Amino acid sequence: MVSSYPCDSISTSHDSFDSESVSTQLLELYSQVLDPRMLATLEYNWGVPRGTIDLDAFHNYLQMRADLSSLLKFGRVAFMPTPETLQVMKEYNCKGQKPGPYTDSFPLHSYEYMFVAGSIEKPLYVRNPETGQVQRFEHPYHGLPTFTSFAHPFHVLLQSTHCIDCYSEKMTVQYPWAASTSSALLELSFSWMTEPAPELFSYESEGEEEEEEQASSDESTLDSSPVTPPRSKTPPERECCSYVDNKWIAKWVDQTRVAGYGKESVHNSPDPQLKGYRKEPSFLSEQKLASLVLAYSKEQSLLSGDEMSGLSIS
């Protein structure tokens, strides 16, 4: 009798077993909170060198049915390590010193996992891998078997954090084991993500020293004429903010200042002397425009009178 089924043996649809299962990536860069800086923190806390966690490795994938794969991506369902595996993982994390490679303490082989329903309440179907018979489970799914996969428990646990955190209260009401297990899982996951990594801080200081050297070098080559502030080097991928050298910018601003600049109104600035162009009138108020029109009319009347006088004399 089979006590543990493959992860692709469970689905929300009976018909899904007629199609092939899909390979689902557990940890993805820029998914949830996993950015390059967080990945470096995980590498330190998991005891592996910088840049060596391979997100494309087979142990970062679960073989699942397509319907559950999409639900897992959105954190509505999850797989989590069994309480026995979780206890060993806690002991690994509490040694009080930098741990060895996590793949040494937890070799790459098949592990057992528990299915977490999360937000769904529809019937679940489990197919026996030996007999092919499909059994239906109604919510809250008591009696579900465990499921096996070659996915690494560290990857599986971290991926399940969002689902467990969102639905821990619901799980506690439905399952007697949920309170202690979910609490231990979240504590372990958050310790991986928040534990400071010294290698990160040394990397930060090296970057700052290089920037200071570049700024001092630029200052020594300045001449008396204003120049554009230097462009910063491309920031490391882990950084979210751009590089700003306030000291350099302030010095550049001082050099661009001209005596008397800004003291006069812009309207008092000398007009450009452009040949071939007549000066355009400025905007006139209605009262001013009316007075000009009246003056123009009087001038035309006087001219007309002079012309008539000239004609009569001749």
C-alpha atoms as a PDB file:
ATOM      1  CA  MET A   1       0.000   0.000   0.000  1.00  0.00           C
ATOM      2  CA  VAL A   2       1.300   3.442  -0.949  1.00  0.00           C
ATOM      3  CA  SER A   3       1.613   5.790   2.038  1.00  0.00           C
ATOM      4  CA  SER A   4       3.029   8.780   0.139  1.00  0.00           C
ATOM      5  CA  TYR A   5       2.114   9.882  -3.380  1.00  0.00           C
ATOM      6  CA  PRO A   6       4.012  11.993  -5.951  1.00  0.00           C
ATOM      7  CA  CYS A   7       3.107  15.683  -5.922  1.00  0.00           C
ATOM      8  CA  ASP A   8       1.432  15.370  -9.324  1.00  0.00           C
ATOM      9  CA  SER A   9      -1.075  12.889  -7.823  1.00  0.00           C
ATOM     10  CA  ILE A  10      -3.309  15.635  -6.410  1.00  0.00           C
ATOM     11  CA  SER A  11      -5.551  18.046  -8.303  1.00  0.00           C
ATOM     12  CA  THR A  12      -8.724  20.116  -8.080  1.00  0.00           C
ATOM     13  CA  SER A  13     -10.063  18.440 -11.235  1.00  0.00           C
ATOM     14  CA  HIS A  14     -10.603  14.760 -11.985  1.00  0.00           C
ATOM     15  CA  ASP A  15      -9.952  15.407 -15.687  1.00  0.00           C
ATOM     16  CA  SER A  16      -6.518  16.914 -15.090  1.00  0.00           C
ATOM     17  CA  PHE A  17      -5.016  13.412 -14.764  1.00  0.00           C
ATOM     18  CA  ASP A  18      -5.670  12.877 -18.486  1.00  0.00           C
ATOM     19  CA  SER A  19      -2.979  15.457 -19.347  1.00  0.00           C
ATOM     20  CA  GLU A  20       0.715  15.665 -18.547  1.00  0.00           C
ATOM     21  CA  SER A  21       1.925  17.270 -15.325  1.00  0.00           C
ATOM     22  CA  VAL A  22       3.922  20.512 -15.406  1.00  0.00           C
ATOM     23  CA  SER A  23       7.257  21.441 -13.854  1.00  0.00           C
ATOM     24  CA  THR A  24       6.788  24.417 -11.528  1.00  0.00           C
ATOM     25  CA  GLN A  25       9.652  26.642 -10.364  1.00  0.00           C
ATOM     26  CA  LEU A  26       9.607  27.304  -6.620  1.00  0.00           C
ATOM     27  CA  LEU A  27      11.981  30.252  -6.125  1.00  0.00           C
ATOM     28  CA  GLU A  28      12.094  32.879  -8.862  1.00  0.00           C
ATOM     29  CA  LEU A  29      14.119  36.085  -8.943  1.00  0.00           C
ATOM     30  CA  TYR A  30      11.928  39.169  -8.383  1.00  0.00           C
ATOM     31  CA  SER A  31       9.023  37.006  -7.291  1.00  0.00           C
ATOM     32  CA  GLN A  32       7.586  37.843  -3.844  1.00  0.00           C
ATOM     33  CA  VAL A  33      10.588  39.212  -1.895  1.00  0.00           C
ATOM     34  CA  LEU A  34      13.411  37.437  -3.735  1.00  0.00           C
ATOM     35  CA  ASP A  35      15.692  40.086  -5.239  1.00  0.00           C
ATOM     36  CA  PRO A  36      19.488  39.765  -5.762  1.00  0.00           C
ATOM     37  CA  ARG A  37      20.239  41.158  -2.297  1.00  0.00           C
ATOM     38  CA  MET A  38      17.836  38.732  -0.624  1.00  0.00           C
ATOM     39  CA  LEU A  39      19.291  35.867  -2.648  1.00  0.00           C
ATOM     40  CA  ALA A  40      22.766  36.774  -1.342  1.00  0.00           C
ATOM     41  CA  THR A  41      21.386  36.738   2.223  1.00  0.00           C
ATOM     42  CA  LEU A  42      19.905  33.287   1.661  1.00  0.00           C
ATOM     43  CA  GLU A  43      23.216  32.028   0.289  1.00  0.00           C
ATOM     44  CA  TYR A  44      25.000  33.157   3.438  1.00  0.00           C
ATOM     45  CA  ASN A  45      22.406  31.651   5.774  1.00  0.00           C
ATOM     46  CA  TRP A  46      22.289  28.430   3.773  1.00  0.00           C
ATOM     47  CA  GLY A  47      26.079  28.080   3.961  1.00  0.00           C
ATOM     48  CA  VAL A  48      26.920  28.322   0.255  1.00  0.00           C
ATOM     49  CA  PRO A  49      29.240  30.750  -1.597  1.00  0.00           C
ATOM     50  CA  ARG A  50      27.924  33.929  -3.177  1.00  0.00           C
ATOM     51  CA  GLY A  51      26.149  33.307  -6.485  1.00  0.00           C
ATOM     52  CA  THR A  52      25.927  29.519  -6.170  1.00  0.00           C
ATOM     53  CA  ILE A  53      22.192  28.986  -5.605  1.00  0.00           C
ATOM     54  CA  ASP A  54      21.007  27.721  -8.966  1.00  0.00           C
ATOM     55  CA  LEU A  55      17.348  28.657  -9.451  1.00  0.00           C
ATOM     56  CA  ASP A  56      17.226  26.505 -12.594  1.00  0.00           C
ATOM     57  CA  ALA A  57      18.370  23.340 -10.794  1.00  0.00           C
ATOM     58  CA  PHE A  58      15.996  20.371 -10.677  1.00  0.00           C
ATOM     59  CA  HIS A  59      15.651  20.614  -6.878  1.00  0.00           C
ATOM     60  CA  ASN A  60      14.027  24.061  -7.307  1.00  0.00           C
ATOM     61  CA  TYR A  61      11.091  22.534  -9.210  1.00  0.00           C
ATOM     62  CA  LEU A  62       7.928  20.642  -8.273  1.00  0.00           C
ATOM     63  CA  GLN A  63       6.158  18.311 -10.689  1.00  0.00           C
ATOM     64  CA  MET A  64       2.459  19.206 -10.363  1.00  0.00           C
ATOM     65  CA  ARG A  65      -0.882  19.323 -12.101  1.00  0.00           C
ATOM     66  CA  ALA A  66      -1.418  22.517 -14.115  1.00  0.00           C
ATOM     67  CA  ASP A  67      -4.393  23.707 -12.042  1.00  0.00           C
ATOM     68  CA  LEU A  68      -2.460  23.530  -8.761  1.00  0.00           C
ATOM     69  CA  SER A  69       0.633  25.029 -10.364  1.00  0.00           C
ATOM     70  CA  SER A  70      -1.168  28.312 -11.046  1.00  0.00           C
ATOM     71  CA  LEU A  71      -2.658  28.338  -7.536  1.00  0.00           C
ATOM     72  CA  LEU A  72       0.777  27.754  -6.011  1.00  0.00           C
ATOM     73  CA  LYS A  73       2.233  30.688  -7.978  1.00  0.00           C
ATOM     74  CA  PHE A  74      -0.361  33.009  -6.431  1.00  0.00           C
ATOM     75  CA  GLY A  75       0.176  31.683  -2.902  1.00  0.00           C
ATOM     76  CA  ARG A  76      -3.297  30.134  -2.631  1.00  0.00           C
ATOM     77  CA  VAL A  77      -1.967  26.612  -2.028  1.00  0.00           C
ATOM     78  CA  ALA A  78       1.430  25.256  -0.998  1.00  0.00           C
ATOM     79  CA  PHE A  79       3.441  22.219  -0.040  1.00  0.00           C
ATOM     80  CA  MET A  80       5.334  22.282   3.243  1.00  0.00           C
ATOM     81  CA  PRO A  81       7.866  19.957   4.927  1.00  0.00           C
ATOM     82  CA  THR A  82       6.514  17.414   7.388  1.00  0.00           C
ATOM     83  CA  PRO A  83       6.915  18.213  11.124  1.00  0.00           C
ATOM     84  CA  GLU A  84       9.765  15.682  11.326  1.00  0.00           C
ATOM     85  CA  THR A  85      11.719  17.333   8.502  1.00  0.00           C
ATOM     86  CA  LEU A  86      10.955  20.776   9.880  1.00  0.00           C
ATOM     87  CA  GLN A  87      12.412  19.843  13.270  1.00  0.00           C
ATOM     88  CA  VAL A  88      15.709  18.770  11.688  1.00  0.00           C
ATOM     89  CA  MET A  89      15.798  22.025   9.704  1.00  0.00           C
ATOM     90  CA  LYS A  90      15.391  24.035  12.914  1.00  0.00           C
ATOM     91  CA  GLU A  91      18.315  22.197  14.503  1.00  0.00           C
ATOM     92  CA  TYR A  92      20.436  23.001  11.446  1.00  0.00           C
ATOM     93  CA  ASN A  93      19.549  26.669  11.834  1.00  0.00           C
ATOM     94  CA  CYS A  94      20.293  26.856  15.596  1.00  0.00           C
ATOM     95  CA  LYS A  95      23.909  25.729  15.679  1.00  0.00           C
ATOM     96  CA  GLY A  96      25.108  29.213  16.698  1.00  0.00           C
ATOM     97  CA  GLN A  97      27.717  29.408  13.948  1.00  0.00           C
ATOM     98  CA  LYS A  98      27.864  29.827  10.202  1.00  0.00           C
ATOM     99  CA  PRO A  99      26.217  26.700   8.790  1.00  0.00           C
ATOM    100  CA  GLY A 100      27.729  24.378   6.241  1.00  0.00           C
ATOM    101  CA  PRO A 101      26.203  23.968   2.773  1.00  0.00           C
ATOM    102  CA  TYR A 102      22.514  23.186   3.113  1.00  0.00           C
ATOM    103  CA  THR A 103      22.733  20.593   0.366  1.00  0.00           C
ATOM    104  CA  ASP A 104      25.256  18.675   2.517  1.00  0.00           C
ATOM    105  CA  SER A 105      23.030  18.628   5.605  1.00  0.00           C
ATOM    106  CA  PHE A 106      19.984  17.901   3.446  1.00  0.00           C
ATOM    107  CA  PRO A 107      21.229  15.882   0.455  1.00  0.00           C
ATOM    108  CA  LEU A 108      19.426  15.983  -2.862  1.00  0.00           C
ATOM    109  CA  HIS A 109      16.947  13.108  -2.727  1.00  0.00           C
ATOM    110  CA  SER A 110      13.211  12.606  -2.360  1.00  0.00           C
ATOM    111  CA  TYR A 111      11.452  14.266   0.622  1.00  0.00           C
ATOM    112  CA  GLU A 112       7.924  14.054   1.999  1.00  0.00           C
ATOM    113  CA  TYR A 113       5.638  17.093   2.003  1.00  0.00           C
ATOM    114  CA  MET A 114       2.200  18.020   3.250  1.00  0.00           C
ATOM    115  CA  PHE A 115      -0.359  19.743   1.050  1.00  0.00           C
ATOM    116  CA  VAL A 116      -1.682  23.111   2.347  1.00  0.00           C
ATOM    117  CA  ALA A 117      -5.080  24.055   0.901  1.00  0.00           C
ATOM    118  CA  GLY A 118      -4.747  27.749   1.719  1.00  0.00           C
ATOM    119  CA  SER A 119      -7.718  29.617   0.264  1.00  0.00           C
ATOM    120  CA  ILE A 120      -9.408  26.851  -1.741  1.00  0.00           C
ATOM    121  CA  GLU A 121     -12.397  24.837  -0.503  1.00  0.00           C
ATOM    122  CA  LYS A 122     -13.357  22.911  -3.645  1.00  0.00           C
ATOM    123  CA  PRO A 123     -13.050  19.103  -3.730  1.00  0.00           C
ATOM    124  CA  LEU A 124      -9.589  17.618  -4.204  1.00  0.00           C
ATOM    125  CA  TYR A 125      -8.808  14.460  -6.174  1.00  0.00           C
ATOM    126  CA  VAL A 126      -5.903  12.142  -5.390  1.00  0.00           C
ATOM    127  CA  ARG A 127      -4.869   9.397  -7.794  1.00  0.00           C
ATOM    128  CA  ASN A 128      -3.168   6.270  -6.522  1.00  0.00           C
ATOM    129  CA  PRO A 129       0.072   5.908  -8.549  1.00  0.00           C
ATOM    130  CA  GLU A 130      -0.088   2.096  -8.385  1.00  0.00           C
ATOM    131  CA  THR A 131      -3.744   1.331  -9.047  1.00  0.00           C
ATOM    132  CA  GLY A 132      -4.745   4.516 -10.902  1.00  0.00           C
ATOM    133  CA  GLN A 133      -7.862   4.858  -8.752  1.00  0.00           C
ATOM    134  CA  VAL A 134      -8.925   8.426  -7.933  1.00  0.00           C
ATOM    135  CA  GLN A 135     -10.226   9.316  -4.470  1.00  0.00           C
ATOM    136  CA  ARG A 136     -12.209  12.488  -3.740  1.00  0.00           C
ATOM    137  CA  PHE A 137     -11.600  14.595  -0.617  1.00  0.00           C
ATOM    138  CA  GLU A 138     -13.980  17.261   0.622  1.00  0.00           C
ATOM    139  CA  HIS A 139     -12.940  20.373   2.532  1.00  0.00           C
ATOM    140  CA  PRO A 140     -11.216  20.466   5.063  1.00  0.00           C
ATOM    141  CA  TYR A 141      -9.480  17.456   3.432  1.00  0.00           C
ATOM    142  CA  HIS A 142      -8.828  15.251   6.446  1.00  0.00           C
ATOM    143  CA  GLY A 143      -7.039  12.033   5.567  1.00  0.00           C
ATOM    144  CA  LEU A 144      -4.901  13.389   2.741  1.00  0.00           C
ATOM    145  CA  PRO A 145      -1.680  11.394   2.218  1.00  0.00           C
ATOM    146  CA  THR A 146       1.744  13.028   2.190  1.00  0.00           C
ATOM    147  CA  PHE A 147       3.434  13.736  -1.133  1.00  0.00           C
ATOM    148  CA  THR A 148       6.980  13.127  -2.308  1.00  0.00           C
ATOM    149  CA  SER A 149       9.259  15.228  -4.507  1.00  0.00           C
ATOM    150  CA  PHE A 150      12.937  15.741  -5.299  1.00  0.00           C
ATOM    151  CA  ALA A 151      12.451  19.457  -4.641  1.00  0.00           C
ATOM    152  CA  HIS A 152      14.711  20.571  -1.786  1.00  0.00           C
ATOM    153  CA  PRO A 153      12.899  21.244   1.535  1.00  0.00           C
ATOM    154  CA  PHE A 154      14.624  24.638   1.953  1.00  0.00           C
ATOM    155  CA  HIS A 155      13.213  25.799  -1.373  1.00  0.00           C
ATOM    156  CA  VAL A 156       9.796  24.299  -0.682  1.00  0.00           C
ATOM    157  CA  LEU A 157       9.587  25.895   2.773  1.00  0.00           C
ATOM    158  CA  LEU A 158      10.589  29.355   1.561  1.00  0.00           C
ATOM    159  CA  GLN A 159       8.091  29.223  -1.296  1.00  0.00           C
ATOM    160  CA  SER A 160       5.278  28.238   1.080  1.00  0.00           C
ATOM    161  CA  THR A 161       5.900  31.182   3.447  1.00  0.00           C
ATOM    162  CA  HIS A 162       3.415  33.539   1.777  1.00  0.00           C
ATOM    163  CA  CYS A 163       0.583  31.009   1.803  1.00  0.00           C
ATOM    164  CA  ILE A 164       1.236  29.877   5.387  1.00  0.00           C
ATOM    165  CA  ASP A 165       1.482  33.461   6.626  1.00  0.00           C
ATOM    166  CA  CYS A 166      -1.810  34.445   4.961  1.00  0.00           C
ATOM    167  CA  TYR A 167      -3.868  31.417   6.040  1.00  0.00           C
ATOM    168  CA  SER A 168      -2.265  30.339   9.344  1.00  0.00           C
ATOM    169  CA  GLU A 169      -5.340  31.307  11.376  1.00  0.00           C
ATOM    170  CA  LYS A 170      -7.618  29.311   9.091  1.00  0.00           C
ATOM    171  CA  MET A 171      -5.277  26.325   9.273  1.00  0.00           C
ATOM    172  CA  THR A 172      -5.123  26.479  13.076  1.00  0.00           C
ATOM    173  CA  VAL A 173      -8.904  26.106  13.296  1.00  0.00           C
ATOM    174  CA  GLN A 174      -8.992  23.124  10.923  1.00  0.00           C
ATOM    175  CA  TYR A 175      -5.892  21.113  11.875  1.00  0.00           C
ATOM    176  CA  PRO A 176      -4.541  20.397  15.376  1.00  0.00           C
ATOM    177  CA  TRP A 177      -0.945  20.317  14.177  1.00  0.00           C
ATOM    178  CA  ALA A 178      -1.137  23.655  12.322  1.00  0.00           C
ATOM    179  CA  ALA A 179      -0.431  26.094  15.184  1.00  0.00           C
ATOM    180  CA  SER A 180       2.990  24.813  16.196  1.00  0.00           C
ATOM    181  CA  THR A 181       4.048  23.723  12.714  1.00  0.00           C
ATOM    182  CA  SER A 182       3.137  26.943  10.924  1.00  0.00           C
ATOM    183  CA  SER A 183       4.728  29.026  13.687  1.00  0.00           C
ATOM    184  CA  ALA A 184       8.000  27.092  13.425  1.00  0.00           C
ATOM    185  CA  LEU A 185       7.957  27.325   9.630  1.00  0.00           C
ATOM    186  CA  LEU A 186       7.467  31.095   9.605  1.00  0.00           C
ATOM    187  CA  GLU A 187      10.105  31.638  12.290  1.00  0.00           C
ATOM    188  CA  LEU A 188      12.636  29.650  10.302  1.00  0.00           C
ATOM    189  CA  SER A 189      11.784  31.345   7.013  1.00  0.00           C
ATOM    190  CA  PHE A 190      12.015  34.866   8.443  1.00  0.00           C
ATOM    191  CA  SER A 191      15.362  34.073  10.102  1.00  0.00           C
ATOM    192  CA  TRP A 192      16.755  33.170   6.685  1.00  0.00           C
ATOM    193  CA  MET A 193      15.559  36.449   5.212  1.00  0.00           C
ATOM    194  CA  THR A 194      16.465  38.857   8.033  1.00  0.00           C
ATOM    195  CA  GLU A 195      19.700  37.435   9.451  1.00  0.00           C
ATOM    196  CA  PRO A 196      22.440  39.926   8.461  1.00  0.00           C
ATOM    197  CA  ALA A 197      25.101  38.656   6.102  1.00  0.00           C
ATOM    198  CA  PRO A 198      28.599  40.118   6.789  1.00  0.00           C
ATOM    199  CA  GLU A 199      29.646  39.514   3.194  1.00  0.00           C
ATOM    200  CA  LEU A 200      26.995  41.974   2.074  1.00  0.00           C
ATOM    201  CA  PHE A 201      28.335  44.733   4.305  1.00  0.00           C
ATOM    202  CA  SER A 202      31.927  44.213   3.142  1.00  0.00           C
ATOM    203  CA  TYR A 203      30.631  44.453  -0.408  1.00  0.00           C
ATOM    204  CA  GLU A 204      28.926  47.734   0.475  1.00  0.00           C
ATOM    205  CA  SER A 205      32.121  49.236   1.971  1.00  0.00           C
ATOM    206  CA  GLU A 206      34.191  48.264  -1.049  1.00  0.00           C
ATOM    207  CA  GLY A 207      31.728  50.046  -3.317  1.00  0.00           C
ATOM    208  CA  GLU A 208      31.791  53.191  -1.175  1.00  0.00           C
ATOM    209  CA  GLU A 209      35.609  53.310  -1.186  1.00  0.00           C
ATOM    210  CA  GLU A 210      35.688  53.069  -4.976  1.00  0.00           C
ATOM    211  CA  GLU A 211      33.178  55.909  -5.268  1.00  0.00           C
ATOM    212  CA  GLU A 212      35.209  58.157  -2.918  1.00  0.00           C
ATOM    213  CA  GLU A 213      38.383  57.503  -4.916  1.00  0.00           C
ATOM    214  CA  GLN A 214      36.576  58.350  -8.150  1.00  0.00           C
ATOM    215  CA  ALA A 215      35.199  61.610  -6.676  1.00  0.00           C
ATOM    216  CA  SER A 216      38.608  62.754  -5.379  1.00  0.00           C
ATOM    217  CA  SER A 217      40.183  61.958  -8.748  1.00  0.00           C
ATOM    218  CA  ASP A 218      37.559  64.037 -10.543  1.00  0.00           C
ATOM    219  CA  GLU A 219      38.065  66.982  -8.155  1.00  0.00           C
ATOM    220  CA  SER A 220      41.808  67.072  -8.874  1.00  0.00           C
ATOM    221  CA  THR A 221      41.228  67.419 -12.623  1.00  0.00           C
ATOM    222  CA  LEU A 222      38.730  70.293 -12.424  1.00  0.00           C
ATOM    223  CA  ASP A 223      39.577  73.570 -14.233  1.00  0.00           C
ATOM    224  CA  SER A 224      38.124  77.054 -13.696  1.00  0.00           C
ATOM    225  CA  SER A 225      35.284  76.601 -16.168  1.00  0.00           C
ATOM    226  CA  PRO A 226      32.004  75.013 -15.136  1.00  0.00           C
ATOM    227  CA  VAL A 227      31.701  71.382 -16.136  1.00  0.00           C
ATOM    228  CA  THR A 228      28.933  68.846 -16.020  1.00  0.00           C
ATOM    229  CA  PRO A 229      28.905  66.689 -12.870  1.00  0.00           C
ATOM    230  CA  PRO A 230      30.403  63.233 -13.480  1.00  0.00           C
ATOM    231  CA  ARG A 231      28.096  60.399 -14.364  1.00  0.00           C
ATOM    232  CA  SER A 232      28.066  57.694 -11.752  1.00  0.00           C
ATOM    233  CA  LYS A 233      29.099  54.179 -12.549  1.00  0.00           C
ATOM    234  CA  THR A 234      26.327  51.681 -13.070  1.00  0.00           C
ATOM    235  CA  PRO A 235      25.099  50.623  -9.603  1.00  0.00           C
ATOM    236  CA  PRO A 236      25.260  46.946  -8.682  1.00  0.00           C
ATOM    237  CA  GLU A 237      22.106  45.019  -9.490  1.00  0.00           C
ATOM    238  CA  ARG A 238      21.364  44.588  -5.800  1.00  0.00           C
ATOM    239  CA  GLU A 239      20.931  48.372  -5.287  1.00  0.00           C
ATOM    240  CA  CYS A 240      17.549  50.036  -5.718  1.00  0.00           C
ATOM    241  CA  CYS A 241      18.665  53.691  -5.531  1.00  0.00           C
ATOM    242  CA  SER A 242      20.964  55.660  -7.842  1.00  0.00           C
ATOM    243  CA  TYR A 243      24.347  57.027  -6.841  1.00  0.00           C
ATOM    244  CA  VAL A 244      24.396  60.724  -5.763  1.00  0.00           C
ATOM    245  CA  ASP A 245      27.546  62.664  -4.826  1.00  0.00           C
ATOM    246  CA  ASN A 246      26.150  65.711  -2.987  1.00  0.00           C
ATOM    247  CA  LYS A 247      29.570  67.244  -2.294  1.00  0.00           C
ATOM    248  CA  TRP A 248      30.544  67.179  -5.979  1.00  0.00           C
ATOM    249  CA  ILE A 249      27.221  68.626  -7.124  1.00  0.00           C
ATOM    250  CA  ALA A 250      27.424  71.482  -4.597  1.00  0.00           C
ATOM    251  CA  LYS A 251      30.897  72.418  -5.885  1.00  0.00           C
ATOM    252  CA  TRP A 252      29.671  72.342  -9.480  1.00  0.00           C
ATOM    253  CA  VAL A 253      26.748  74.647  -8.607  1.00  0.00           C
ATOM    254  CA  ASP A 254      29.136  77.163  -6.977  1.00  0.00           C
ATOM    255  CA  GLN A 255      31.245  77.297 -10.144  1.00  0.00           C
ATOM    256  CA  THR A 256      28.277  78.031 -12.364  1.00  0.00           C
ATOM    257  CA  ARG A 257      27.242  81.136 -10.415  1.00  0.00           C
ATOM    258  CA  VAL A 258      27.805  84.463 -12.220  1.00  0.00           C
ATOM    259  CA  ALA A 259      28.087  87.802 -10.371  1.00  0.00           C
ATOM    260  CA  GLY A 260      24.806  89.696 -10.436  1.00  0.00           C
ATOM    261  CA  TYR A 261      22.940  86.796 -12.005  1.00  0.00           C
ATOM    262  CA  GLY A 262      19.383  86.499 -10.775  1.00  0.00           C
ATOM    263  CA  LYS A 263      19.270  89.942  -9.096  1.00  0.00           C
ATOM    264  CA  GLU A 264      17.452  91.641 -11.977  1.00  0.00           C
ATOM    265  CA  SER A 265      14.018  90.733 -13.152  1.00  0.00           C
ATOM    266  CA  VAL A 266      13.824  88.663 -16.298  1.00  0.00           C
ATOM    267  CA  HIS A 267      11.651  91.396 -17.865  1.00  0.00           C
ATOM    268  CA  ASN A 268      14.510  93.919 -17.456  1.00  0.00           C
ATOM    269  CA  SER A 269      16.964  91.831 -19.441  1.00  0.00           C
ATOM    270  CA  PRO A 270      18.237  93.527 -22.641  1.00  0.00           C
ATOM    271  CA  ASP A 271      16.301  92.603 -25.748  1.00  0.00           C
ATOM    272  CA  PRO A 272      18.250  90.795 -28.456  1.00  0.00           C
ATOM    273  CA  GLN A 273      19.158  93.076 -31.371  1.00  0.00           C
ATOM    274  CA  LEU A 274      18.068  91.068 -34.362  1.00  0.00           C
ATOM    275  CA  LYS A 275      18.276  92.818 -37.737  1.00  0.00           C
ATOM    276  CA  GLY A 276      15.425  92.391 -40.144  1.00  0.00           C
ATOM    277  CA  TYR A 277      12.822  91.867 -37.427  1.00  0.00           C
ATOM    278  CA  ARG A 278      10.517  94.495 -36.023  1.00  0.00           C
ATOM    279  CA  LYS A 279       9.702  94.559 -32.361  1.00  0.00           C
ATOM    280  CA  GLU A 280       6.406  92.834 -31.632  1.00  0.00           C
ATOM    281  CA  PRO A 281       3.973  94.759 -29.364  1.00  0.00           C
ATOM    282  CA  SER A 282       3.471  93.378 -25.924  1.00  0.00           C
ATOM    283  CA  PHE A 283       0.103  92.277 -24.617  1.00  0.00           C
ATOM    284  CA  LEU A 284      -2.213  95.280 -24.093  1.00  0.00           C
ATOM    285  CA  SER A 285      -5.142  95.695 -21.768  1.00  0.00           C
ATOM    286  CA  GLU A 286      -8.545  96.604 -23.234  1.00  0.00           C
ATOM    287  CA  GLN A 287      -8.357 100.172 -21.803  1.00  0.00           C
ATOM    288  CA  LYS A 288      -4.900 100.778 -23.240  1.00  0.00           C
ATOM    289  CA  LEU A 289      -5.937  99.372 -26.603  1.00  0.00           C
ATOM    290  CA  ALA A 290      -9.038 101.642 -26.715  1.00  0.00           C
ATOM    291  CA  SER A 291      -6.949 104.780 -26.002  1.00  0.00           C
ATOM    292  CA  LEU A 292      -4.519 103.881 -28.779  1.00  0.00           C
ATOM    293  CA  VAL A 293      -7.338 103.360 -31.253  1.00  0.00           C
ATOM    294  CA  LEU A 294      -8.841 106.762 -30.308  1.00  0.00           C
ATOM    295  CA  ALA A 295      -5.510 108.534 -30.739  1.00  0.00           C
ATOM    296  CA  TYR A 296      -5.023 106.860 -34.099  1.00  0.00           C
ATOM    297  CA  SER A 297      -8.480 107.996 -35.256  1.00  0.00           C
ATOM    298  CA  LYS A 298      -7.761 111.632 -34.287  1.00  0.00           C
ATOM    299  CA  GLU A 299      -4.466 111.519 -36.128  1.00  0.00           C
ATOM    300  CA  GLN A 300      -6.170 110.238 -39.261  1.00  0.00           C
ATOM    301  CA  SER A 301      -8.803 112.978 -39.011  1.00  0.00           C
ATOM    302  CA  LEU A 302      -6.144 115.704 -38.803  1.00  0.00           C
ATOM    303  CA  LEU A 303      -4.302 114.276 -41.771  1.00  0.00           C
ATOM    304  CA  SER A 304      -7.477 114.221 -43.795  1.00  0.00           C
ATOM    305  CA  GLY A 305      -8.126 117.918 -42.940  1.00  0.00           C
ATOM    306  CA  ASP A 306      -4.634 118.971 -44.055  1.00  0.00           C
ATOM    307  CA  GLU A 307      -5.032 117.181 -47.325  1.00  0.00           C
ATOM    308  CA  MET A 308      -8.353 118.932 -48.006  1.00  0.00           C
ATOM    309  CA  SER A 309      -6.759 122.349 -47.208  1.00  0.00           C
ATOM    310  CA  GLY A 310      -3.961 121.711 -49.675  1.00  0.00           C
ATOM    311  CA  LEU A 311      -6.408 120.923 -52.431  1.00  0.00           C
ATOM    312  CA  SER A 312      -8.429 124.084 -51.920  1.00  0.00           C
ATOM    313  CA  ILE A 313      -5.355 126.405 -52.093  1.00  0.00           C
ATOM    314  CA  SER A 314      -4.171 124.952 -55.320  1.00  0.00           C
END
